[in-house]
Amino acid sequence: LNQPRYASLPNIMKAKKKPIEEKTPADYGVDVT
């Protein structure tokens, strides 16, 4: 489909400030047993 790009150093630094929301399977009512 494509050739994935390599992340540049500036973008790697920017990624550290981008938000990551943490959830659990229970938050979505899913049993992962």
PDB file of all heavy atoms in Angstrom:
ATOM      1  N   LEU A   1       0.822  -1.206   0.000  1.00  0.00           N
ATOM      2  CA  LEU A   1       0.000   0.000   0.000  1.00  0.00           C
ATOM      3  C   LEU A   1       0.859   1.262   0.000  1.00  0.00           C
ATOM      4  O   LEU A   1       0.574   2.233  -0.707  1.00  0.00           O
ATOM      5  CB  LEU A   1      -0.936  -0.001   1.212  1.00  0.00           C
ATOM      6  CG  LEU A   1      -1.852   1.211   1.373  1.00  0.00           C
ATOM      7  CD1 LEU A   1      -2.793   1.341   0.177  1.00  0.00           C
ATOM      8  CD2 LEU A   1      -2.666   1.109   2.666  1.00  0.00           C
ATOM      9  N   ASN A   2       1.926   1.262   0.793  1.00  0.00           N
ATOM     10  CA  ASN A   2       2.817   2.422   0.859  1.00  0.00           C
ATOM     11  C   ASN A   2       4.131   2.028   1.522  1.00  0.00           C
ATOM     12  O   ASN A   2       4.295   0.885   1.969  1.00  0.00           O
ATOM     13  CB  ASN A   2       2.164   3.596   1.605  1.00  0.00           C
ATOM     14  CG  ASN A   2       1.819   3.245   3.055  1.00  0.00           C
ATOM     15  OD1 ASN A   2       2.649   2.748   3.813  1.00  0.00           O
ATOM     16  ND2 ASN A   2       0.576   3.494   3.451  1.00  0.00           N
ATOM     17  N   GLN A   3       5.036   2.987   1.601  1.00  0.00           N
ATOM     18  CA  GLN A   3       6.303   2.807   2.319  1.00  0.00           C
ATOM     19  C   GLN A   3       6.289   3.742   3.524  1.00  0.00           C
ATOM     20  O   GLN A   3       6.341   4.963   3.368  1.00  0.00           O
ATOM     21  CB  GLN A   3       7.486   3.145   1.405  1.00  0.00           C
ATOM     22  CG  GLN A   3       8.847   3.008   2.077  1.00  0.00           C
ATOM     23  CD  GLN A   3       9.168   1.583   2.482  1.00  0.00           C
ATOM     24  OE1 GLN A   3       8.922   0.658   1.724  1.00  0.00           O
ATOM     25  NE2 GLN A   3       9.709   1.393   3.678  1.00  0.00           N
ATOM     26  N   PRO A   4       6.190   3.212   4.755  1.00  0.00           N
ATOM     27  CA  PRO A   4       6.121   4.079   5.931  1.00  0.00           C
ATOM     28  C   PRO A   4       7.339   4.987   6.054  1.00  0.00           C
ATOM     29  O   PRO A   4       8.459   4.583   5.741  1.00  0.00           O
ATOM     30  CB  PRO A   4       6.045   3.091   7.107  1.00  0.00           C
ATOM     31  CG  PRO A   4       5.513   1.835   6.509  1.00  0.00           C
ATOM     32  CD  PRO A   4       6.066   1.790   5.118  1.00  0.00           C
ATOM     33  N   ARG A   5       7.109   6.179   6.526  1.00  0.00           N
ATOM     34  CA  ARG A   5       8.179   7.157   6.694  1.00  0.00           C
ATOM     35  C   ARG A   5       8.949   6.901   7.982  1.00  0.00           C
ATOM     36  O   ARG A   5       8.444   6.271   8.913  1.00  0.00           O
ATOM     37  CB  ARG A   5       7.579   8.570   6.737  1.00  0.00           C
ATOM     38  CG  ARG A   5       6.769   8.861   7.995  1.00  0.00           C
ATOM     39  CD  ARG A   5       5.994  10.146   7.863  1.00  0.00           C
ATOM     40  NE  ARG A   5       4.951  10.031   6.842  1.00  0.00           N
ATOM     41  CZ  ARG A   5       4.234  11.061   6.396  1.00  0.00           C
ATOM     42  NH1 ARG A   5       4.432  12.265   6.904  1.00  0.00           N
ATOM     43  NH2 ARG A   5       3.304  10.886   5.471  1.00  0.00           N
ATOM     44  N   TYR A   6      10.161   7.415   8.027  1.00  0.00           N
ATOM     45  CA  TYR A   6      10.923   7.421   9.270  1.00  0.00           C
ATOM     46  C   TYR A   6      10.591   8.702  10.014  1.00  0.00           C
ATOM     47  O   TYR A   6      10.530   9.779   9.417  1.00  0.00           O
ATOM     48  CB  TYR A   6      12.422   7.350   8.997  1.00  0.00           C
ATOM     49  CG  TYR A   6      12.896   6.008   8.500  1.00  0.00           C
ATOM     50  CD1 TYR A   6      13.173   5.807   7.144  1.00  0.00           C
ATOM     51  CD2 TYR A   6      13.054   4.942   9.372  1.00  0.00           C
ATOM     52  CE1 TYR A   6      13.596   4.577   6.674  1.00  0.00           C
ATOM     53  CE2 TYR A   6      13.477   3.700   8.909  1.00  0.00           C
ATOM     54  CZ  TYR A   6      13.747   3.526   7.568  1.00  0.00           C
ATOM     55  OH  TYR A   6      14.157   2.300   7.115  1.00  0.00           O
ATOM     56  N   ALA A   7      10.383   8.592  11.304  1.00  0.00           N
ATOM     57  CA  ALA A   7      10.067   9.775  12.103  1.00  0.00           C
ATOM     58  C   ALA A   7      11.323  10.632  12.263  1.00  0.00           C
ATOM     59  O   ALA A   7      12.385  10.122  12.622  1.00  0.00           O
ATOM     60  CB  ALA A   7       9.535   9.357  13.462  1.00  0.00           C
ATOM     61  N   SER A   8      11.207  11.911  11.969  1.00  0.00           N
ATOM     62  CA  SER A   8      12.340  12.827  12.112  1.00  0.00           C
ATOM     63  C   SER A   8      12.532  13.184  13.588  1.00  0.00           C
ATOM     64  O   SER A   8      11.613  13.037  14.407  1.00  0.00           O
ATOM     65  CB  SER A   8      12.106  14.101  11.295  1.00  0.00           C
ATOM     66  OG  SER A   8      10.984  14.815  11.805  1.00  0.00           O
ATOM     67  N   LEU A   9      13.713  13.640  13.911  1.00  0.00           N
ATOM     68  CA  LEU A   9      14.013  14.010  15.305  1.00  0.00           C
ATOM     69  C   LEU A   9      13.071  15.104  15.816  1.00  0.00           C
ATOM     70  O   LEU A   9      12.559  15.000  16.937  1.00  0.00           O
ATOM     71  CB  LEU A   9      15.473  14.443  15.440  1.00  0.00           C
ATOM     72  CG  LEU A   9      15.929  14.819  16.864  1.00  0.00           C
ATOM     73  CD1 LEU A   9      15.709  13.656  17.821  1.00  0.00           C
ATOM     74  CD2 LEU A   9      17.396  15.247  16.862  1.00  0.00           C
ATOM     75  N   PRO A  10      12.798  16.171  15.034  1.00  0.00           N
ATOM     76  CA  PRO A  10      11.847  17.186  15.523  1.00  0.00           C
ATOM     77  C   PRO A  10      10.463  16.603  15.804  1.00  0.00           C
ATOM     78  O   PRO A  10       9.821  16.970  16.799  1.00  0.00           O
ATOM     79  CB  PRO A  10      11.800  18.205  14.372  1.00  0.00           C
ATOM     80  CG  PRO A  10      13.107  18.051  13.682  1.00  0.00           C
ATOM     81  CD  PRO A  10      13.429  16.598  13.761  1.00  0.00           C
ATOM     82  N   ASN A  11      10.011  15.681  14.946  1.00  0.00           N
ATOM     83  CA  ASN A  11       8.690  15.086  15.167  1.00  0.00           C
ATOM     84  C   ASN A  11       8.686  14.147  16.370  1.00  0.00           C
ATOM     85  O   ASN A  11       7.662  14.002  17.046  1.00  0.00           O
ATOM     86  CB  ASN A  11       8.238  14.330  13.912  1.00  0.00           C
ATOM     87  CG  ASN A  11       7.811  15.264  12.802  1.00  0.00           C
ATOM     88  OD1 ASN A  11       7.483  16.419  13.040  1.00  0.00           O
ATOM     89  ND2 ASN A  11       7.829  14.768  11.574  1.00  0.00           N
ATOM     90  N   ILE A  12       9.826  13.484  16.618  1.00  0.00           N
ATOM     91  CA  ILE A  12       9.939  12.640  17.807  1.00  0.00           C
ATOM     92  C   ILE A  12       9.826  13.499  19.065  1.00  0.00           C
ATOM     93  O   ILE A  12       9.167  13.122  20.044  1.00  0.00           O
ATOM     94  CB  ILE A  12      11.269  11.861  17.798  1.00  0.00           C
ATOM     95  CG1 ILE A  12      11.257  10.817  16.672  1.00  0.00           C
ATOM     96  CG2 ILE A  12      11.511  11.174  19.141  1.00  0.00           C
ATOM     97  CD1 ILE A  12      12.579  10.101  16.481  1.00  0.00           C
ATOM     98  N   MET A  13      10.438  14.674  19.038  1.00  0.00           N
ATOM     99  CA  MET A  13      10.365  15.579  20.190  1.00  0.00           C
ATOM    100  C   MET A  13       8.949  16.122  20.349  1.00  0.00           C
ATOM    101  O   MET A  13       8.434  16.231  21.464  1.00  0.00           O
ATOM    102  CB  MET A  13      11.360  16.732  20.009  1.00  0.00           C
ATOM    103  CG  MET A  13      12.818  16.288  19.899  1.00  0.00           C
ATOM    104  SD  MET A  13      13.358  15.265  21.295  1.00  0.00           S
ATOM    105  CE  MET A  13      13.261  16.482  22.620  1.00  0.00           C
ATOM    106  N   LYS A  14       8.291  16.441  19.233  1.00  0.00           N
ATOM    107  CA  LYS A  14       6.910  16.931  19.293  1.00  0.00           C
ATOM    108  C   LYS A  14       5.969  15.861  19.830  1.00  0.00           C
ATOM    109  O   LYS A  14       4.996  16.161  20.533  1.00  0.00           O
ATOM    110  CB  LYS A  14       6.447  17.388  17.911  1.00  0.00           C
ATOM    111  CG  LYS A  14       7.129  18.647  17.390  1.00  0.00           C
ATOM    112  CD  LYS A  14       6.645  18.977  15.990  1.00  0.00           C
ATOM    113  CE  LYS A  14       7.363  20.194  15.423  1.00  0.00           C
ATOM    114  NZ  LYS A  14       6.933  20.487  14.029  1.00  0.00           N
ATOM    115  N   ALA A  15       6.255  14.607  19.492  1.00  0.00           N
ATOM    116  CA  ALA A  15       5.384  13.506  19.910  1.00  0.00           C
ATOM    117  C   ALA A  15       5.334  13.366  21.422  1.00  0.00           C
ATOM    118  O   ALA A  15       4.334  12.892  21.975  1.00  0.00           O
ATOM    119  CB  ALA A  15       5.858  12.204  19.268  1.00  0.00           C
ATOM    120  N   LYS A  16       6.404  13.777  22.094  1.00  0.00           N
ATOM    121  CA  LYS A  16       6.435  13.672  23.553  1.00  0.00           C
ATOM    122  C   LYS A  16       5.404  14.583  24.215  1.00  0.00           C
ATOM    123  O   LYS A  16       5.007  14.353  25.358  1.00  0.00           O
ATOM    124  CB  LYS A  16       7.833  14.010  24.073  1.00  0.00           C
ATOM    125  CG  LYS A  16       8.909  13.016  23.653  1.00  0.00           C
ATOM    126  CD  LYS A  16      10.265  13.389  24.218  1.00  0.00           C
ATOM    127  CE  LYS A  16      11.326  12.365  23.813  1.00  0.00           C
ATOM    128  NZ  LYS A  16      12.651  12.709  24.355  1.00  0.00           N
ATOM    129  N   LYS A  17       4.962  15.624  23.491  1.00  0.00           N
ATOM    130  CA  LYS A  17       3.998  16.573  24.050  1.00  0.00           C
ATOM    131  C   LYS A  17       2.559  16.273  23.608  1.00  0.00           C
ATOM    132  O   LYS A  17       1.629  16.904  24.106  1.00  0.00           O
ATOM    133  CB  LYS A  17       4.377  17.996  23.635  1.00  0.00           C
ATOM    134  CG  LYS A  17       5.741  18.447  24.161  1.00  0.00           C
ATOM    135  CD  LYS A  17       6.059  19.874  23.737  1.00  0.00           C
ATOM    136  CE  LYS A  17       7.421  20.315  24.248  1.00  0.00           C
ATOM    137  NZ  LYS A  17       7.742  21.708  23.834  1.00  0.00           N
ATOM    138  N   LYS A  18       2.406  15.340  22.670  1.00  0.00           N
ATOM    139  CA  LYS A  18       1.060  15.011  22.218  1.00  0.00           C
ATOM    140  C   LYS A  18       0.357  14.155  23.266  1.00  0.00           C
ATOM    141  O   LYS A  18       0.984  13.327  23.937  1.00  0.00           O
ATOM    142  CB  LYS A  18       1.110  14.290  20.874  1.00  0.00           C
ATOM    143  CG  LYS A  18       1.587  15.179  19.729  1.00  0.00           C
ATOM    144  CD  LYS A  18       1.588  14.420  18.409  1.00  0.00           C
ATOM    145  CE  LYS A  18       2.042  15.304  17.258  1.00  0.00           C
ATOM    146  NZ  LYS A  18       2.048  14.575  15.972  1.00  0.00           N
ATOM    147  N   PRO A  19      -0.955  14.320  23.434  1.00  0.00           N
ATOM    148  CA  PRO A  19      -1.671  13.627  24.517  1.00  0.00           C
ATOM    149  C   PRO A  19      -1.909  12.142  24.249  1.00  0.00           C
ATOM    150  O   PRO A  19      -2.178  11.742  23.117  1.00  0.00           O
ATOM    151  CB  PRO A  19      -2.996  14.383  24.592  1.00  0.00           C
ATOM    152  CG  PRO A  19      -3.208  14.905  23.207  1.00  0.00           C
ATOM    153  CD  PRO A  19      -1.841  15.234  22.680  1.00  0.00           C
ATOM    154  N   ILE A  20      -1.763  11.351  25.309  1.00  0.00           N
ATOM    155  CA  ILE A  20      -2.137   9.939  25.286  1.00  0.00           C
ATOM    156  C   ILE A  20      -3.105   9.702  26.443  1.00  0.00           C
ATOM    157  O   ILE A  20      -2.756   9.875  27.609  1.00  0.00           O
ATOM    158  CB  ILE A  20      -0.919   9.008  25.425  1.00  0.00           C
ATOM    159  CG1 ILE A  20      -0.006   9.120  24.199  1.00  0.00           C
ATOM    160  CG2 ILE A  20      -1.378   7.557  25.601  1.00  0.00           C
ATOM    161  CD1 ILE A  20       1.215   8.227  24.259  1.00  0.00           C
ATOM    162  N   GLU A  21      -4.325   9.336  26.105  1.00  0.00           N
ATOM    163  CA  GLU A  21      -5.357   9.065  27.111  1.00  0.00           C
ATOM    164  C   GLU A  21      -5.278   7.599  27.520  1.00  0.00           C
ATOM    165  O   GLU A  21      -5.212   6.718  26.667  1.00  0.00           O
ATOM    166  CB  GLU A  21      -6.734   9.377  26.528  1.00  0.00           C
ATOM    167  CG  GLU A  21      -7.888   9.196  27.499  1.00  0.00           C
ATOM    168  CD  GLU A  21      -9.223   9.497  26.857  1.00  0.00           C
ATOM    169  OE1 GLU A  21      -9.253   9.751  25.634  1.00  0.00           O
ATOM    170  OE2 GLU A  21     -10.247   9.458  27.571  1.00  0.00           O
ATOM    171  N   GLU A  22      -5.264   7.359  28.827  1.00  0.00           N
ATOM    172  CA  GLU A  22      -5.164   5.983  29.318  1.00  0.00           C
ATOM    173  C   GLU A  22      -6.527   5.474  29.780  1.00  0.00           C
ATOM    174  O   GLU A  22      -7.239   6.150  30.516  1.00  0.00           O
ATOM    175  CB  GLU A  22      -4.149   5.886  30.457  1.00  0.00           C
ATOM    176  CG  GLU A  22      -2.718   6.138  30.008  1.00  0.00           C
ATOM    177  CD  GLU A  22      -1.706   5.790  31.086  1.00  0.00           C
ATOM    178  OE1 GLU A  22      -2.139   5.375  32.202  1.00  0.00           O
ATOM    179  OE2 GLU A  22      -0.492   5.927  30.831  1.00  0.00           O
ATOM    180  N   LYS A  23      -6.863   4.277  29.308  1.00  0.00           N
ATOM    181  CA  LYS A  23      -8.123   3.630  29.654  1.00  0.00           C
ATOM    182  C   LYS A  23      -7.854   2.190  30.056  1.00  0.00           C
ATOM    183  O   LYS A  23      -6.726   1.695  29.975  1.00  0.00           O
ATOM    184  CB  LYS A  23      -9.084   3.671  28.454  1.00  0.00           C
ATOM    185  CG  LYS A  23      -9.542   5.064  28.041  1.00  0.00           C
ATOM    186  CD  LYS A  23     -10.609   5.586  28.974  1.00  0.00           C
ATOM    187  CE  LYS A  23     -11.238   6.854  28.462  1.00  0.00           C
ATOM    188  NZ  LYS A  23     -12.357   7.319  29.330  1.00  0.00           N
ATOM    189  N   THR A  24      -8.899   1.496  30.463  1.00  0.00           N
ATOM    190  CA  THR A  24      -8.819   0.062  30.732  1.00  0.00           C
ATOM    191  C   THR A  24      -9.960  -0.636  29.981  1.00  0.00           C
ATOM    192  O   THR A  24     -10.953   0.012  29.622  1.00  0.00           O
ATOM    193  CB  THR A  24      -8.944  -0.241  32.228  1.00  0.00           C
ATOM    194  OG1 THR A  24     -10.267   0.114  32.669  1.00  0.00           O
ATOM    195  CG2 THR A  24      -7.905   0.528  33.036  1.00  0.00           C
ATOM    196  N   PRO A  25      -9.848  -1.930  29.759  1.00  0.00           N
ATOM    197  CA  PRO A  25     -10.954  -2.640  29.103  1.00  0.00           C
ATOM    198  C   PRO A  25     -12.267  -2.488  29.858  1.00  0.00           C
ATOM    199  O   PRO A  25     -13.344  -2.433  29.247  1.00  0.00           O
ATOM    200  CB  PRO A  25     -10.480  -4.097  29.095  1.00  0.00           C
ATOM    201  CG  PRO A  25      -8.986  -3.996  29.077  1.00  0.00           C
ATOM    202  CD  PRO A  25      -8.675  -2.801  29.926  1.00  0.00           C
ATOM    203  N   ALA A  26     -12.189  -2.404  31.199  1.00  0.00           N
ATOM    204  CA  ALA A  26     -13.404  -2.249  32.005  1.00  0.00           C
ATOM    205  C   ALA A  26     -14.117  -0.943  31.690  1.00  0.00           C
ATOM    206  O   ALA A  26     -15.356  -0.862  31.795  1.00  0.00           O
ATOM    207  CB  ALA A  26     -13.052  -2.320  33.487  1.00  0.00           C
ATOM    208  N   ASP A  27     -13.361   0.085  31.307  1.00  0.00           N
ATOM    209  CA  ASP A  27     -13.981   1.372  30.951  1.00  0.00           C
ATOM    210  C   ASP A  27     -14.912   1.222  29.752  1.00  0.00           C
ATOM    211  O   ASP A  27     -15.847   2.009  29.578  1.00  0.00           O
ATOM    212  CB  ASP A  27     -12.912   2.416  30.631  1.00  0.00           C
ATOM    213  CG  ASP A  27     -12.098   2.804  31.855  1.00  0.00           C
ATOM    214  OD1 ASP A  27     -12.639   2.716  32.979  1.00  0.00           O
ATOM    215  OD2 ASP A  27     -10.922   3.176  31.691  1.00  0.00           O
ATOM    216  N   TYR A  28     -14.651   0.220  28.932  1.00  0.00           N
ATOM    217  CA  TYR A  28     -15.475  -0.020  27.752  1.00  0.00           C
ATOM    218  C   TYR A  28     -16.392  -1.222  27.929  1.00  0.00           C
ATOM    219  O   TYR A  28     -17.062  -1.648  26.984  1.00  0.00           O
ATOM    220  CB  TYR A  28     -14.581  -0.224  26.530  1.00  0.00           C
ATOM    221  CG  TYR A  28     -13.740   0.989  26.203  1.00  0.00           C
ATOM    222  CD1 TYR A  28     -12.368   0.998  26.444  1.00  0.00           C
ATOM    223  CD2 TYR A  28     -14.319   2.132  25.668  1.00  0.00           C
ATOM    224  CE1 TYR A  28     -11.591   2.110  26.147  1.00  0.00           C
ATOM    225  CE2 TYR A  28     -13.552   3.256  25.375  1.00  0.00           C
ATOM    226  CZ  TYR A  28     -12.188   3.237  25.621  1.00  0.00           C
ATOM    227  OH  TYR A  28     -11.435   4.345  25.334  1.00  0.00           O
ATOM    228  N   GLY A  29     -16.400  -1.779  29.146  1.00  0.00           N
ATOM    229  CA  GLY A  29     -17.284  -2.905  29.432  1.00  0.00           C
ATOM    230  C   GLY A  29     -16.908  -4.186  28.718  1.00  0.00           C
ATOM    231  O   GLY A  29     -17.780  -5.001  28.393  1.00  0.00           O
ATOM    232  N   VAL A  30     -15.609  -4.390  28.491  1.00  0.00           N
ATOM    233  CA  VAL A  30     -15.147  -5.570  27.751  1.00  0.00           C
ATOM    234  C   VAL A  30     -14.363  -6.487  28.682  1.00  0.00           C
ATOM    235  O   VAL A  30     -13.462  -6.046  29.394  1.00  0.00           O
ATOM    236  CB  VAL A  30     -14.268  -5.163  26.549  1.00  0.00           C
ATOM    237  CG1 VAL A  30     -13.747  -6.404  25.829  1.00  0.00           C
ATOM    238  CG2 VAL A  30     -15.046  -4.281  25.587  1.00  0.00           C
ATOM    239  N   ASP A  31     -14.711  -7.761  28.663  1.00  0.00           N
ATOM    240  CA  ASP A  31     -13.995  -8.781  29.421  1.00  0.00           C
ATOM    241  C   ASP A  31     -12.916  -9.377  28.526  1.00  0.00           C
ATOM    242  O   ASP A  31     -13.214  -9.940  27.472  1.00  0.00           O
ATOM    243  CB  ASP A  31     -14.968  -9.875  29.880  1.00  0.00           C
ATOM    244  CG  ASP A  31     -14.294 -10.978  30.687  1.00  0.00           C
ATOM    245  OD1 ASP A  31     -13.116 -10.793  31.060  1.00  0.00           O
ATOM    246  OD2 ASP A  31     -14.941 -12.011  30.935  1.00  0.00           O
ATOM    247  N   VAL A  32     -11.648  -9.239  28.936  1.00  0.00           N
ATOM    248  CA  VAL A  32     -10.540  -9.722  28.107  1.00  0.00           C
ATOM    249  C   VAL A  32     -10.012 -11.073  28.597  1.00  0.00           C
ATOM    250  O   VAL A  32      -8.922 -11.497  28.203  1.00  0.00           O
ATOM    251  CB  VAL A  32      -9.387  -8.691  28.062  1.00  0.00           C
ATOM    252  CG1 VAL A  32      -9.841  -7.415  27.386  1.00  0.00           C
ATOM    253  CG2 VAL A  32      -8.858  -8.391  29.459  1.00  0.00           C
ATOM    254  N   THR A  33     -10.773 -11.767  29.434  1.00  0.00           N
ATOM    255  CA  THR A  33     -10.362 -13.092  29.889  1.00  0.00           C
ATOM    256  C   THR A  33     -10.181 -14.015  28.681  1.00  0.00           C
ATOM    257  O   THR A  33     -11.082 -14.107  27.838  1.00  0.00           O
ATOM    258  CB  THR A  33     -11.414 -13.698  30.838  1.00  0.00           C
ATOM    259  OG1 THR A  33     -11.612 -12.808  31.930  1.00  0.00           O
ATOM    260  CG2 THR A  33     -10.950 -15.048  31.359  1.00  0.00           C
TER     261      THR A  33
END
